[in-house]
Amino acid sequence: MAEPKWLEDLKGNVAGAVREIAKLRRQTKSLKTQLEKARKAAEQAATAVRDAAPEPDAETWRAERKEVRRRVARLTKSLEELV
């Protein structure tokens, strides 16, 4: 005896869903591999940039601190004018 049409359709839909899930799992595995490679590359690039950047000397830090103080003073003055 032949199966009802709805059962055939259901079996077809389930088989299609199984194929799609398998495809998505393969894609997920591939993407995880790509992500891991990208993370390693980013880590290596960050290390290379960090290693290539010169360590600031004391004079550089003093100039930076002076600039920050100047900016804070300017902002403080602007805020005081608003009050």
PDB file of N, CA and C in Angstrom:
ATOM      1  N   MET A   1       0.846  -1.189   0.000  1.00  0.00           N
ATOM      2  CA  MET A   1       0.000   0.000   0.000  1.00  0.00           C
ATOM      3  C   MET A   1       0.888   1.248   0.000  1.00  0.00           C
ATOM      4  N   ALA A   2       0.531   2.236  -0.737  1.00  0.00           N
ATOM      5  CA  ALA A   2       1.298   3.470  -0.859  1.00  0.00           C
ATOM      6  C   ALA A   2       1.085   4.347   0.369  1.00  0.00           C
ATOM      7  N   GLU A   3       2.120   5.096   0.688  1.00  0.00           N
ATOM      8  CA  GLU A   3       2.027   6.008   1.825  1.00  0.00           C
ATOM      9  C   GLU A   3       1.176   7.209   1.446  1.00  0.00           C
ATOM     10  N   PRO A   4       0.526   7.798   2.427  1.00  0.00           N
ATOM     11  CA  PRO A   4      -0.251   9.005   2.129  1.00  0.00           C
ATOM     12  C   PRO A   4       0.677  10.128   1.675  1.00  0.00           C
ATOM     13  N   LYS A   5       0.146  11.025   0.882  1.00  0.00           N
ATOM     14  CA  LYS A   5       0.914  12.144   0.337  1.00  0.00           C
ATOM     15  C   LYS A   5       1.534  12.980   1.452  1.00  0.00           C
ATOM     16  N   TRP A   6       0.792  13.238   2.481  1.00  0.00           N
ATOM     17  CA  TRP A   6       1.298  14.081   3.559  1.00  0.00           C
ATOM     18  C   TRP A   6       2.502  13.447   4.238  1.00  0.00           C
ATOM     19  N   LEU A   7       2.506  12.096   4.343  1.00  0.00           N
ATOM     20  CA  LEU A   7       3.628  11.414   4.962  1.00  0.00           C
ATOM     21  C   LEU A   7       4.860  11.479   4.072  1.00  0.00           C
ATOM     22  N   GLU A   8       4.658  11.335   2.779  1.00  0.00           N
ATOM     23  CA  GLU A   8       5.766  11.478   1.822  1.00  0.00           C
ATOM     24  C   GLU A   8       6.349  12.885   1.895  1.00  0.00           C
ATOM     25  N   ASP A   9       5.460  13.874   1.948  1.00  0.00           N
ATOM     26  CA  ASP A   9       5.906  15.265   2.044  1.00  0.00           C
ATOM     27  C   ASP A   9       6.685  15.498   3.339  1.00  0.00           C
ATOM     28  N   LEU A  10       6.187  14.936   4.441  1.00  0.00           N
ATOM     29  CA  LEU A  10       6.848  15.088   5.727  1.00  0.00           C
ATOM     30  C   LEU A  10       8.239  14.461   5.695  1.00  0.00           C
ATOM     31  N   LYS A  11       8.341  13.262   5.137  1.00  0.00           N
ATOM     32  CA  LYS A  11       9.633  12.597   5.020  1.00  0.00           C
ATOM     33  C   LYS A  11      10.595  13.434   4.173  1.00  0.00           C
ATOM     34  N   GLY A  12      10.079  13.994   3.098  1.00  0.00           N
ATOM     35  CA  GLY A  12      10.904  14.852   2.245  1.00  0.00           C
ATOM     36  C   GLY A  12      11.384  16.091   2.987  1.00  0.00           C
ATOM     37  N   ASN A  13      10.484  16.683   3.756  1.00  0.00           N
ATOM     38  CA  ASN A  13      10.849  17.874   4.539  1.00  0.00           C
ATOM     39  C   ASN A  13      11.886  17.546   5.612  1.00  0.00           C
ATOM     40  N   VAL A  14      11.714  16.415   6.273  1.00  0.00           N
ATOM     41  CA  VAL A  14      12.670  16.006   7.299  1.00  0.00           C
ATOM     42  C   VAL A  14      14.024  15.730   6.669  1.00  0.00           C
ATOM     43  N   ALA A  15      14.046  15.029   5.550  1.00  0.00           N
ATOM     44  CA  ALA A  15      15.313  14.742   4.868  1.00  0.00           C
ATOM     45  C   ALA A  15      15.993  16.039   4.441  1.00  0.00           C
ATOM     46  N   GLY A  16      15.215  16.994   3.952  1.00  0.00           N
ATOM     47  CA  GLY A  16      15.767  18.297   3.567  1.00  0.00           C
ATOM     48  C   GLY A  16      16.342  19.033   4.771  1.00  0.00           C
ATOM     49  N   ALA A  17      15.631  18.968   5.899  1.00  0.00           N
ATOM     50  CA  ALA A  17      16.103  19.619   7.118  1.00  0.00           C
ATOM     51  C   ALA A  17      17.399  18.973   7.606  1.00  0.00           C
ATOM     52  N   VAL A  18      17.489  17.655   7.518  1.00  0.00           N
ATOM     53  CA  VAL A  18      18.704  16.954   7.935  1.00  0.00           C
ATOM     54  C   VAL A  18      19.880  17.385   7.065  1.00  0.00           C
ATOM     55  N   ARG A  19      19.659  17.481   5.753  1.00  0.00           N
ATOM     56  CA  ARG A  19      20.727  17.933   4.851  1.00  0.00           C
ATOM     57  C   ARG A  19      21.148  19.357   5.176  1.00  0.00           C
ATOM     58  N   GLU A  20      20.183  20.220   5.439  1.00  0.00           N
ATOM     59  CA  GLU A  20      20.481  21.618   5.751  1.00  0.00           C
ATOM     60  C   GLU A  20      21.254  21.734   7.061  1.00  0.00           C
ATOM     61  N   ILE A  21      20.867  20.951   8.061  1.00  0.00           N
ATOM     62  CA  ILE A  21      21.580  20.975   9.345  1.00  0.00           C
ATOM     63  C   ILE A  21      23.011  20.504   9.166  1.00  0.00           C
ATOM     64  N   ALA A  22      23.204  19.458   8.388  1.00  0.00           N
ATOM     65  CA  ALA A  22      24.562  18.964   8.130  1.00  0.00           C
ATOM     66  C   ALA A  22      25.390  20.032   7.427  1.00  0.00           C
ATOM     67  N   LYS A  23      24.784  20.705   6.470  1.00  0.00           N
ATOM     68  CA  LYS A  23      25.481  21.778   5.752  1.00  0.00           C
ATOM     69  C   LYS A  23      25.861  22.904   6.713  1.00  0.00           C
ATOM     70  N   LEU A  24      24.939  23.291   7.576  1.00  0.00           N
ATOM     71  CA  LEU A  24      25.197  24.363   8.534  1.00  0.00           C
ATOM     72  C   LEU A  24      26.282  23.971   9.538  1.00  0.00           C
ATOM     73  N   ARG A  25      26.305  22.703   9.925  1.00  0.00           N
ATOM     74  CA  ARG A  25      27.359  22.248  10.835  1.00  0.00           C
ATOM     75  C   ARG A  25      28.727  22.336  10.176  1.00  0.00           C
ATOM     76  N   ARG A  26      28.794  21.962   8.893  1.00  0.00           N
ATOM     77  CA  ARG A  26      30.071  22.074   8.174  1.00  0.00           C
ATOM     78  C   ARG A  26      30.493  23.529   8.080  1.00  0.00           C
ATOM     79  N   GLN A  27      29.542  24.410   7.784  1.00  0.00           N
ATOM     80  CA  GLN A  27      29.855  25.834   7.695  1.00  0.00           C
ATOM     81  C   GLN A  27      30.317  26.374   9.046  1.00  0.00           C
ATOM     82  N   THR A  28      29.674  25.954  10.112  1.00  0.00           N
ATOM     83  CA  THR A  28      30.043  26.391  11.452  1.00  0.00           C
ATOM     84  C   THR A  28      31.473  25.970  11.768  1.00  0.00           C
ATOM     85  N   LYS A  29      31.796  24.718  11.459  1.00  0.00           N
ATOM     86  CA  LYS A  29      33.148  24.226  11.708  1.00  0.00           C
ATOM     87  C   LYS A  29      34.172  25.038  10.914  1.00  0.00           C
ATOM     88  N   SER A  30      33.850  25.322   9.657  1.00  0.00           N
ATOM     89  CA  SER A  30      34.743  26.107   8.812  1.00  0.00           C
ATOM     90  C   SER A  30      34.916  27.519   9.367  1.00  0.00           C
ATOM     91  N   LEU A  31      33.823  28.118   9.786  1.00  0.00           N
ATOM     92  CA  LEU A  31      33.888  29.481  10.324  1.00  0.00           C
ATOM     93  C   LEU A  31      34.668  29.530  11.637  1.00  0.00           C
ATOM     94  N   LYS A  32      34.528  28.498  12.463  1.00  0.00           N
ATOM     95  CA  LYS A  32      35.296  28.465  13.705  1.00  0.00           C
ATOM     96  C   LYS A  32      36.787  28.381  13.406  1.00  0.00           C
ATOM     97  N   THR A  33      37.143  27.586  12.407  1.00  0.00           N
ATOM     98  CA  THR A  33      38.543  27.474  12.008  1.00  0.00           C
ATOM     99  C   THR A  33      39.060  28.812  11.503  1.00  0.00           C
ATOM    100  N   GLN A  34      38.272  29.477  10.658  1.00  0.00           N
ATOM    101  CA  GLN A  34      38.670  30.787  10.130  1.00  0.00           C
ATOM    102  C   GLN A  34      38.803  31.805  11.255  1.00  0.00           C
ATOM    103  N   LEU A  35      37.883  31.767  12.205  1.00  0.00           N
ATOM    104  CA  LEU A  35      37.922  32.699  13.331  1.00  0.00           C
ATOM    105  C   LEU A  35      39.180  32.487  14.162  1.00  0.00           C
ATOM    106  N   GLU A  36      39.520  31.240  14.418  1.00  0.00           N
ATOM    107  CA  GLU A  36      40.725  30.946  15.191  1.00  0.00           C
ATOM    108  C   GLU A  36      41.969  31.453  14.460  1.00  0.00           C
ATOM    109  N   LYS A  37      42.024  31.258  13.146  1.00  0.00           N
ATOM    110  CA  LYS A  37      43.158  31.755  12.362  1.00  0.00           C
ATOM    111  C   LYS A  37      43.219  33.281  12.420  1.00  0.00           C
ATOM    112  N   ALA A  38      42.054  33.928  12.326  1.00  0.00           N
ATOM    113  CA  ALA A  38      42.006  35.390  12.369  1.00  0.00           C
ATOM    114  C   ALA A  38      42.448  35.906  13.737  1.00  0.00           C
ATOM    115  N   ARG A  39      42.027  35.219  14.795  1.00  0.00           N
ATOM    116  CA  ARG A  39      42.440  35.632  16.141  1.00  0.00           C
ATOM    117  C   ARG A  39      43.945  35.522  16.304  1.00  0.00           C
ATOM    118  N   LYS A  40      44.509  34.433  15.820  1.00  0.00           N
ATOM    119  CA  LYS A  40      45.959  34.260  15.918  1.00  0.00           C
ATOM    120  C   LYS A  40      46.687  35.337  15.118  1.00  0.00           C
ATOM    121  N   ALA A  41      46.179  35.638  13.917  1.00  0.00           N
ATOM    122  CA  ALA A  41      46.801  36.672  13.088  1.00  0.00           C
ATOM    123  C   ALA A  41      46.707  38.035  13.770  1.00  0.00           C
ATOM    124  N   ALA A  42      45.559  38.326  14.378  1.00  0.00           N
ATOM    125  CA  ALA A  42      45.381  39.605  15.073  1.00  0.00           C
ATOM    126  C   ALA A  42      46.316  39.698  16.275  1.00  0.00           C
ATOM    127  N   GLU A  43      46.460  38.587  16.973  1.00  0.00           N
ATOM    128  CA  GLU A  43      47.357  38.573  18.127  1.00  0.00           C
ATOM    129  C   GLU A  43      48.806  38.794  17.688  1.00  0.00           C
ATOM    130  N   GLN A  44      49.195  38.149  16.595  1.00  0.00           N
ATOM    131  CA  GLN A  44      50.551  38.332  16.078  1.00  0.00           C
ATOM    132  C   GLN A  44      50.759  39.767  15.609  1.00  0.00           C
ATOM    133  N   ALA A  45      49.745  40.342  14.956  1.00  0.00           N
ATOM    134  CA  ALA A  45      49.857  41.724  14.485  1.00  0.00           C
ATOM    135  C   ALA A  45      49.965  42.684  15.661  1.00  0.00           C
ATOM    136  N   ALA A  46      49.162  42.457  16.687  1.00  0.00           N
ATOM    137  CA  ALA A  46      49.219  43.326  17.870  1.00  0.00           C
ATOM    138  C   ALA A  46      50.586  43.237  18.537  1.00  0.00           C
ATOM    139  N   THR A  47      51.111  42.035  18.619  1.00  0.00           N
ATOM    140  CA  THR A  47      52.437  41.852  19.203  1.00  0.00           C
ATOM    141  C   THR A  47      53.496  42.571  18.376  1.00  0.00           C
ATOM    142  N   ALA A  48      53.386  42.452  17.049  1.00  0.00           N
ATOM    143  CA  ALA A  48      54.357  43.111  16.165  1.00  0.00           C
ATOM    144  C   ALA A  48      54.290  44.628  16.314  1.00  0.00           C
ATOM    145  N   VAL A  49      53.083  45.171  16.401  1.00  0.00           N
ATOM    146  CA  VAL A  49      52.925  46.621  16.559  1.00  0.00           C
ATOM    147  C   VAL A  49      53.480  47.054  17.902  1.00  0.00           C
ATOM    148  N   ARG A  50      53.155  46.292  18.936  1.00  0.00           N
ATOM    149  CA  ARG A  50      53.635  46.627  20.281  1.00  0.00           C
ATOM    150  C   ARG A  50      55.161  46.566  20.340  1.00  0.00           C
ATOM    151  N   ASP A  51      55.731  45.564  19.713  1.00  0.00           N
ATOM    152  CA  ASP A  51      57.187  45.428  19.718  1.00  0.00           C
ATOM    153  C   ASP A  51      57.870  46.503  18.873  1.00  0.00           C
ATOM    154  N   ALA A  52      57.195  46.963  17.830  1.00  0.00           N
ATOM    155  CA  ALA A  52      57.795  47.966  16.937  1.00  0.00           C
ATOM    156  C   ALA A  52      57.698  49.376  17.501  1.00  0.00           C
ATOM    157  N   ALA A  53      56.725  49.609  18.367  1.00  0.00           N
ATOM    158  CA  ALA A  53      56.536  50.952  18.919  1.00  0.00           C
ATOM    159  C   ALA A  53      57.630  51.257  19.930  1.00  0.00           C
ATOM    160  N   PRO A  54      58.243  52.411  19.797  1.00  0.00           N
ATOM    161  CA  PRO A  54      59.288  52.769  20.758  1.00  0.00           C
ATOM    162  C   PRO A  54      58.676  53.065  22.125  1.00  0.00           C
ATOM    163  N   GLU A  55      59.385  52.713  23.141  1.00  0.00           N
ATOM    164  CA  GLU A  55      58.944  52.987  24.505  1.00  0.00           C
ATOM    165  C   GLU A  55      59.113  54.487  24.758  1.00  0.00           C
ATOM    166  N   PRO A  56      58.044  55.169  25.186  1.00  0.00           N
ATOM    167  CA  PRO A  56      58.172  56.609  25.421  1.00  0.00           C
ATOM    168  C   PRO A  56      59.156  56.895  26.551  1.00  0.00           C
ATOM    169  N   ASP A  57      59.925  57.940  26.357  1.00  0.00           N
ATOM    170  CA  ASP A  57      60.887  58.320  27.384  1.00  0.00           C
ATOM    171  C   ASP A  57      60.238  59.306  28.361  1.00  0.00           C
ATOM    172  N   ALA A  58      60.987  59.693  29.359  1.00  0.00           N
ATOM    173  CA  ALA A  58      60.461  60.567  30.398  1.00  0.00           C
ATOM    174  C   ALA A  58      60.002  61.914  29.838  1.00  0.00           C
ATOM    175  N   GLU A  59      60.747  62.437  28.876  1.00  0.00           N
ATOM    176  CA  GLU A  59      60.379  63.736  28.300  1.00  0.00           C
ATOM    177  C   GLU A  59      59.035  63.642  27.568  1.00  0.00           C
ATOM    178  N   THR A  60      58.831  62.556  26.880  1.00  0.00           N
ATOM    179  CA  THR A  60      57.556  62.356  26.177  1.00  0.00           C
ATOM    180  C   THR A  60      56.416  62.323  27.183  1.00  0.00           C
ATOM    181  N   TRP A  61      56.615  61.625  28.308  1.00  0.00           N
ATOM    182  CA  TRP A  61      55.577  61.561  29.333  1.00  0.00           C
ATOM    183  C   TRP A  61      55.316  62.941  29.939  1.00  0.00           C
ATOM    184  N   ARG A  62      56.365  63.712  30.159  1.00  0.00           N
ATOM    185  CA  ARG A  62      56.173  65.061  30.706  1.00  0.00           C
ATOM    186  C   ARG A  62      55.376  65.929  29.738  1.00  0.00           C
ATOM    187  N   ALA A  63      55.698  65.849  28.455  1.00  0.00           N
ATOM    188  CA  ALA A  63      54.980  66.652  27.457  1.00  0.00           C
ATOM    189  C   ALA A  63      53.513  66.218  27.390  1.00  0.00           C
ATOM    190  N   GLU A  64      53.284  64.930  27.467  1.00  0.00           N
ATOM    191  CA  GLU A  64      51.906  64.424  27.440  1.00  0.00           C
ATOM    192  C   GLU A  64      51.133  64.904  28.666  1.00  0.00           C
ATOM    193  N   ARG A  65      51.756  64.821  29.823  1.00  0.00           N
ATOM    194  CA  ARG A  65      51.115  65.268  31.053  1.00  0.00           C
ATOM    195  C   ARG A  65      50.801  66.767  30.983  1.00  0.00           C
ATOM    196  N   LYS A  66      51.737  67.548  30.448  1.00  0.00           N
ATOM    197  CA  LYS A  66      51.523  68.991  30.316  1.00  0.00           C
ATOM    198  C   LYS A  66      50.333  69.271  29.397  1.00  0.00           C
ATOM    199  N   GLU A  67      50.239  68.541  28.300  1.00  0.00           N
ATOM    200  CA  GLU A  67      49.132  68.725  27.357  1.00  0.00           C
ATOM    201  C   GLU A  67      47.794  68.353  28.006  1.00  0.00           C
ATOM    202  N   VAL A  68      47.771  67.278  28.750  1.00  0.00           N
ATOM    203  CA  VAL A  68      46.540  66.874  29.439  1.00  0.00           C
ATOM    204  C   VAL A  68      46.131  67.932  30.451  1.00  0.00           C
ATOM    205  N   ARG A  69      47.087  68.433  31.222  1.00  0.00           N
ATOM    206  CA  ARG A  69      46.769  69.491  32.195  1.00  0.00           C
ATOM    207  C   ARG A  69      46.213  70.728  31.508  1.00  0.00           C
ATOM    208  N   ARG A  70      46.809  71.092  30.360  1.00  0.00           N
ATOM    209  CA  ARG A  70      46.342  72.261  29.616  1.00  0.00           C
ATOM    210  C   ARG A  70      44.888  72.055  29.177  1.00  0.00           C
ATOM    211  N   ARG A  71      44.586  70.868  28.677  1.00  0.00           N
ATOM    212  CA  ARG A  71      43.219  70.587  28.218  1.00  0.00           C
ATOM    213  C   ARG A  71      42.225  70.586  29.378  1.00  0.00           C
ATOM    214  N   VAL A  72      42.609  70.004  30.503  1.00  0.00           N
ATOM    215  CA  VAL A  72      41.734  69.979  31.674  1.00  0.00           C
ATOM    216  C   VAL A  72      41.474  71.396  32.162  1.00  0.00           C
ATOM    217  N   ALA A  73      42.507  72.213  32.179  1.00  0.00           N
ATOM    218  CA  ALA A  73      42.340  73.604  32.612  1.00  0.00           C
ATOM    219  C   ALA A  73      41.374  74.337  31.694  1.00  0.00           C
ATOM    220  N   ARG A  74      41.507  74.104  30.384  1.00  0.00           N
ATOM    221  CA  ARG A  74      40.621  74.759  29.428  1.00  0.00           C
ATOM    222  C   ARG A  74      39.171  74.305  29.624  1.00  0.00           C
ATOM    223  N   LEU A  75      38.970  73.011  29.841  1.00  0.00           N
ATOM    224  CA  LEU A  75      37.621  72.499  30.075  1.00  0.00           C
ATOM    225  C   LEU A  75      37.043  73.037  31.379  1.00  0.00           C
ATOM    226  N   THR A  76      37.860  73.112  32.400  1.00  0.00           N
ATOM    227  CA  THR A  76      37.419  73.642  33.696  1.00  0.00           C
ATOM    228  C   THR A  76      36.981  75.094  33.545  1.00  0.00           C
ATOM    229  N   LYS A  77      37.764  75.852  32.814  1.00  0.00           N
ATOM    230  CA  LYS A  77      37.426  77.257  32.595  1.00  0.00           C
ATOM    231  C   LYS A  77      36.092  77.371  31.856  1.00  0.00           C
ATOM    232  N   SER A  78      35.902  76.544  30.843  1.00  0.00           N
ATOM    233  CA  SER A  78      34.647  76.562  30.104  1.00  0.00           C
ATOM    234  C   SER A  78      33.463  76.215  30.989  1.00  0.00           C
ATOM    235  N   LEU A  79      33.635  75.240  31.869  1.00  0.00           N
ATOM    236  CA  LEU A  79      32.563  74.851  32.787  1.00  0.00           C
ATOM    237  C   LEU A  79      32.275  75.967  33.784  1.00  0.00           C
ATOM    238  N   GLU A  80      33.312  76.625  34.280  1.00  0.00           N
ATOM    239  CA  GLU A  80      33.125  77.709  35.239  1.00  0.00           C
ATOM    240  C   GLU A  80      32.367  78.865  34.594  1.00  0.00           C
ATOM    241  N   GLU A  81      32.607  79.105  33.314  1.00  0.00           N
ATOM    242  CA  GLU A  81      31.900  80.182  32.607  1.00  0.00           C
ATOM    243  C   GLU A  81      30.420  79.879  32.449  1.00  0.00           C
ATOM    244  N   LEU A  82      30.087  78.601  32.416  1.00  0.00           N
ATOM    245  CA  LEU A  82      28.684  78.207  32.292  1.00  0.00           C
ATOM    246  C   LEU A  82      27.913  78.419  33.581  1.00  0.00           C
ATOM    247  N   VAL A  83      28.618  78.385  34.715  1.00  0.00           N
ATOM    248  CA  VAL A  83      27.961  78.531  36.020  1.00  0.00           C
ATOM    249  C   VAL A  83      27.769  79.958  36.329  1.00  0.00           C
TER     250      VAL A  83
END
